[in-house]
Amino acid sequence: MAPELWFNTVVGLLLLYMGWRFALWALATVTGQPFHTAVTFTDTGLEVPYFQLQGYSAWTEAGMFLFGLTVLFEVAVMAMRPIKALVLVALFLCVISTAWNLVVCAMLMRAGMLPLMSGLAVAFGGWIVANLWQKMPRT
């Protein structure tokens, strides 16, 4: 169990890091602050909004951040005696982040890009849902 906890913790933290710009955007949006992408439209000179960046980077970063949270919640469930509320939160987060990444996969594939990270998140999301479902306290 300890190697799996270690591996999942490292993967979860790496995914959070990969999607950190999404977290910064979300924090800026919630607090009413501007979020600067440092990218401007060539014709108008106006800054490009985060979710309009080329290559769907905001969508992918959001998927990575959400899936990183999912993996860390799974670690919390594995590390302690399963509490029904925690398992339900982890399951909910896993379903949402997997669905988000599935949408990102479809968007990227439609644009002719390989959705490597989001595809892996979808694959492992199903695995995590199955594991969490088995850990659900049956009381």
Protein backbone atom coordinates (compact mmCIF):
# COMPACT_ATOMS: atom_id res chain seq x y z
CA MET A 1 0.00 0.00 0.00
CA ALA A 2 2.81 2.46 0.84
CA PRO A 3 4.38 2.44 -2.67
CA GLU A 4 0.98 3.08 -4.24
CA LEU A 5 0.33 5.96 -1.83
CA TRP A 6 3.74 7.44 -2.62
CA PHE A 7 3.29 7.06 -6.39
CA ASN A 8 -0.24 8.51 -6.40
CA THR A 9 0.81 11.43 -4.20
CA VAL A 10 3.67 12.32 -6.55
CA VAL A 11 1.44 11.95 -9.63
CA GLY A 12 -1.30 14.05 -8.01
CA LEU A 13 1.14 16.82 -7.12
CA LEU A 14 2.65 16.77 -10.61
CA LEU A 15 -0.81 17.08 -12.14
CA LEU A 16 -1.62 20.01 -9.85
CA TYR A 17 1.61 21.64 -10.96
CA MET A 18 0.79 21.04 -14.63
CA GLY A 19 -2.58 22.72 -14.16
CA TRP A 20 -1.42 25.44 -11.79
CA ARG A 21 -2.22 28.23 -14.26
CA PHE A 22 -5.87 27.11 -14.18
CA ALA A 23 -5.83 27.42 -10.38
CA LEU A 24 -4.40 30.93 -10.67
CA TRP A 25 -7.09 31.84 -13.23
CA ALA A 26 -9.83 30.42 -10.97
CA LEU A 27 -8.50 32.33 -7.96
CA ALA A 28 -8.30 35.56 -9.95
CA THR A 29 -11.83 35.04 -11.28
CA VAL A 30 -13.31 34.31 -7.85
CA THR A 31 -11.64 37.35 -6.30
CA GLY A 32 -12.58 39.63 -9.20
CA GLN A 33 -8.97 40.24 -10.20
CA PRO A 34 -7.76 40.29 -13.80
CA PHE A 35 -5.87 37.27 -15.10
CA HIS A 36 -3.19 38.10 -17.63
CA THR A 37 -2.25 35.56 -20.27
CA ALA A 38 0.55 37.72 -21.73
CA VAL A 39 -0.77 36.87 -25.21
CA THR A 40 -2.37 39.49 -27.44
CA PHE A 41 -4.45 39.35 -30.59
CA THR A 42 -2.33 40.51 -33.53
CA ASP A 43 -5.09 42.57 -35.14
CA THR A 44 -6.43 44.42 -32.10
CA GLY A 45 -3.61 44.22 -29.58
CA LEU A 46 -6.08 43.15 -26.89
CA GLU A 47 -5.14 40.41 -24.48
CA VAL A 48 -6.41 36.93 -25.35
CA PRO A 49 -8.75 35.55 -22.63
CA TYR A 50 -7.50 32.40 -20.91
CA PHE A 51 -10.11 30.05 -22.38
CA GLN A 52 -9.50 31.40 -25.89
CA LEU A 53 -5.79 30.55 -25.97
CA GLN A 54 -4.72 28.53 -28.96
CA GLY A 55 -4.47 24.75 -28.55
CA TYR A 56 -7.11 24.55 -25.83
CA SER A 57 -4.39 24.94 -23.21
CA ALA A 58 -6.80 26.31 -20.59
CA TRP A 59 -9.09 23.30 -21.03
CA THR A 60 -6.17 20.87 -20.73
CA GLU A 61 -4.72 22.67 -17.71
CA ALA A 62 -8.12 22.62 -16.00
CA GLY A 63 -8.36 18.90 -16.68
CA MET A 64 -4.93 18.26 -15.23
CA PHE A 65 -5.61 20.33 -12.12
CA LEU A 66 -8.98 18.68 -11.48
CA PHE A 67 -7.56 15.22 -12.04
CA GLY A 68 -4.64 16.02 -9.70
CA LEU A 69 -7.18 16.85 -6.99
CA THR A 70 -8.95 13.59 -7.77
CA VAL A 71 -5.78 11.57 -7.34
CA LEU A 72 -4.97 13.29 -4.04
CA PHE A 73 -8.49 12.61 -2.75
CA GLU A 74 -8.00 8.96 -3.71
CA VAL A 75 -4.77 8.98 -1.69
CA ALA A 76 -6.67 10.35 1.30
CA VAL A 77 -9.24 7.56 0.99
CA MET A 78 -6.50 4.92 0.70
CA ALA A 79 -4.47 6.33 3.60
CA MET A 80 -7.24 6.23 6.19
CA ARG A 81 -10.21 4.12 7.09
CA PRO A 82 -12.76 4.99 4.39
CA ILE A 83 -15.26 7.57 5.58
CA LYS A 84 -18.39 7.51 3.46
CA ALA A 85 -18.49 11.30 3.01
CA LEU A 86 -14.85 11.43 1.88
CA VAL A 87 -15.35 8.54 -0.54
CA LEU A 88 -18.45 10.25 -1.98
CA VAL A 89 -16.55 13.52 -2.46
CA ALA A 90 -13.68 11.64 -4.11
CA LEU A 91 -16.13 9.75 -6.36
CA PHE A 92 -17.92 12.96 -7.34
CA LEU A 93 -14.64 14.74 -8.08
CA CYS A 94 -13.41 11.76 -10.08
CA VAL A 95 -16.55 11.59 -12.22
CA ILE A 96 -16.45 15.35 -12.87
CA SER A 97 -12.74 15.45 -13.72
CA THR A 98 -12.99 12.35 -15.91
CA ALA A 99 -15.97 13.80 -17.78
CA TRP A 100 -14.11 17.12 -18.19
CA ASN A 101 -11.10 15.31 -19.61
CA LEU A 102 -13.34 13.30 -21.94
CA VAL A 103 -14.71 16.57 -23.33
CA VAL A 104 -11.15 17.89 -23.70
CA CYS A 105 -10.20 14.71 -25.58
CA ALA A 106 -13.07 15.25 -27.99
CA MET A 107 -12.15 18.92 -28.50
CA LEU A 108 -8.49 18.16 -29.15
CA MET A 109 -9.19 15.23 -31.45
CA ARG A 110 -11.66 17.34 -33.44
CA ALA A 111 -8.88 19.93 -33.83
CA GLY A 112 -6.47 17.22 -35.03
CA MET A 113 -4.36 17.12 -31.86
CA LEU A 114 -3.37 14.15 -29.71
CA PRO A 115 -5.03 14.40 -26.26
CA LEU A 116 -2.32 12.47 -24.44
CA MET A 117 -2.70 13.83 -20.90
CA SER A 118 -6.48 14.07 -20.99
CA GLY A 119 -6.69 10.59 -22.52
CA LEU A 120 -4.62 9.19 -19.66
CA ALA A 121 -6.85 11.02 -17.17
CA VAL A 122 -9.94 9.41 -18.73
CA ALA A 123 -8.35 5.95 -18.63
CA PHE A 124 -7.17 6.24 -15.04
CA GLY A 125 -10.41 8.00 -14.02
CA GLY A 126 -12.35 4.83 -14.72
CA TRP A 127 -9.84 2.84 -12.71
CA ILE A 128 -10.12 5.25 -9.76
CA VAL A 129 -13.93 5.17 -9.82
CA ALA A 130 -13.83 1.37 -9.63
CA ASN A 131 -11.34 1.45 -6.74
CA LEU A 132 -13.30 4.07 -4.82
CA TRP A 133 -16.55 2.21 -5.34
CA GLN A 134 -14.98 -0.89 -3.76
CA LYS A 135 -13.83 1.16 -0.76
CA MET A 136 -17.30 2.61 -0.16
CA PRO A 137 -18.41 1.73 3.41
CA ARG A 138 -21.58 -0.38 3.18
CA THR A 139 -23.46 0.74 6.30
